[in-house]
Amino acid sequence: MKKFWYILKEMFYMIRTHKLYFLAPLFLLFVILALLVFYIGPSVIISFIYAGI
């Protein structure tokens, strides 16, 4: 979990220093999706991918 926070901190540092503010919502979406896959389990997410939703 320590690596996760380090990567998250580095992403927001990159956004701040290079003024890529349009990437912030995309990174937040990826973080939320990663947390959902981690806590819910990949089998639920895979069923949505196969269904084409």
C-alpha atoms as a PDB file:
ATOM      1  CA  MET A   1       0.000   0.000   0.000  1.00  0.00           C
ATOM      2  CA  LYS A   2       3.007   2.239   0.513  1.00  0.00           C
ATOM      3  CA  LYS A   3       3.852   2.077  -3.195  1.00  0.00           C
ATOM      4  CA  PHE A   4       0.291   3.045  -4.084  1.00  0.00           C
ATOM      5  CA  TRP A   5       0.484   6.264  -2.073  1.00  0.00           C
ATOM      6  CA  TYR A   6       3.926   7.025  -3.534  1.00  0.00           C
ATOM      7  CA  ILE A   7       2.651   6.616  -7.102  1.00  0.00           C
ATOM      8  CA  LEU A   8      -0.426   8.724  -6.328  1.00  0.00           C
ATOM      9  CA  LYS A   9       1.747  11.453  -4.820  1.00  0.00           C
ATOM     10  CA  GLU A  10       4.056  11.430  -7.851  1.00  0.00           C
ATOM     11  CA  MET A  11       1.121  11.680 -10.273  1.00  0.00           C
ATOM     12  CA  PHE A  12      -0.280  14.746  -8.557  1.00  0.00           C
ATOM     13  CA  TYR A  13       3.208  16.260  -8.350  1.00  0.00           C
ATOM     14  CA  MET A  14       3.550  15.798 -12.121  1.00  0.00           C
ATOM     15  CA  ILE A  15       0.140  17.386 -12.700  1.00  0.00           C
ATOM     16  CA  ARG A  16       1.051  20.360 -10.534  1.00  0.00           C
ATOM     17  CA  THR A  17       4.545  20.989 -11.932  1.00  0.00           C
ATOM     18  CA  HIS A  18       3.687  20.544 -15.625  1.00  0.00           C
ATOM     19  CA  LYS A  19       0.266  22.225 -15.324  1.00  0.00           C
ATOM     20  CA  LEU A  20      -1.589  19.241 -16.789  1.00  0.00           C
ATOM     21  CA  TYR A  21      -4.765  19.911 -14.858  1.00  0.00           C
ATOM     22  CA  PHE A  22      -6.940  18.204 -17.449  1.00  0.00           C
ATOM     23  CA  LEU A  23      -5.357  14.868 -16.451  1.00  0.00           C
ATOM     24  CA  ALA A  24      -6.498  15.058 -12.817  1.00  0.00           C
ATOM     25  CA  PRO A  25     -10.044  13.728 -13.428  1.00  0.00           C
ATOM     26  CA  LEU A  26      -8.646  10.907 -15.549  1.00  0.00           C
ATOM     27  CA  PHE A  27      -6.193   9.874 -12.834  1.00  0.00           C
ATOM     28  CA  LEU A  28      -8.933  10.036 -10.207  1.00  0.00           C
ATOM     29  CA  LEU A  29     -11.123   7.804 -12.355  1.00  0.00           C
ATOM     30  CA  PHE A  30      -8.289   5.274 -12.672  1.00  0.00           C
ATOM     31  CA  VAL A  31      -7.690   5.342  -8.920  1.00  0.00           C
ATOM     32  CA  ILE A  32     -11.373   4.747  -8.174  1.00  0.00           C
ATOM     33  CA  LEU A  33     -11.492   1.914 -10.700  1.00  0.00           C
ATOM     34  CA  ALA A  34      -8.363   0.322  -9.223  1.00  0.00           C
ATOM     35  CA  LEU A  35      -9.810   0.509  -5.711  1.00  0.00           C
ATOM     36  CA  LEU A  36     -13.057  -1.051  -6.893  1.00  0.00           C
ATOM     37  CA  VAL A  37     -11.218  -3.918  -8.550  1.00  0.00           C
ATOM     38  CA  PHE A  38      -9.093  -4.416  -5.452  1.00  0.00           C
ATOM     39  CA  TYR A  39     -11.941  -4.420  -2.924  1.00  0.00           C
ATOM     40  CA  ILE A  40     -14.809  -5.947  -4.910  1.00  0.00           C
ATOM     41  CA  GLY A  41     -12.750  -8.447  -6.851  1.00  0.00           C
ATOM     42  CA  PRO A  42     -11.873  -8.746 -10.499  1.00  0.00           C
ATOM     43  CA  SER A  43     -14.584 -11.312 -11.260  1.00  0.00           C
ATOM     44  CA  VAL A  44     -17.350  -8.709 -10.970  1.00  0.00           C
ATOM     45  CA  ILE A  45     -15.570  -6.225 -13.240  1.00  0.00           C
ATOM     46  CA  ILE A  46     -14.735  -8.923 -15.809  1.00  0.00           C
ATOM     47  CA  SER A  47     -18.395  -9.873 -16.098  1.00  0.00           C
ATOM     48  CA  PHE A  48     -19.222  -6.277 -17.096  1.00  0.00           C
ATOM     49  CA  ILE A  49     -16.463  -6.290 -19.700  1.00  0.00           C
ATOM     50  CA  TYR A  50     -17.728  -9.533 -21.250  1.00  0.00           C
ATOM     51  CA  ALA A  51     -21.288  -8.203 -21.259  1.00  0.00           C
ATOM     52  CA  GLY A  52     -20.141  -5.155 -23.264  1.00  0.00           C
ATOM     53  CA  ILE A  53     -21.332  -2.558 -20.783  1.00  0.00           C
END
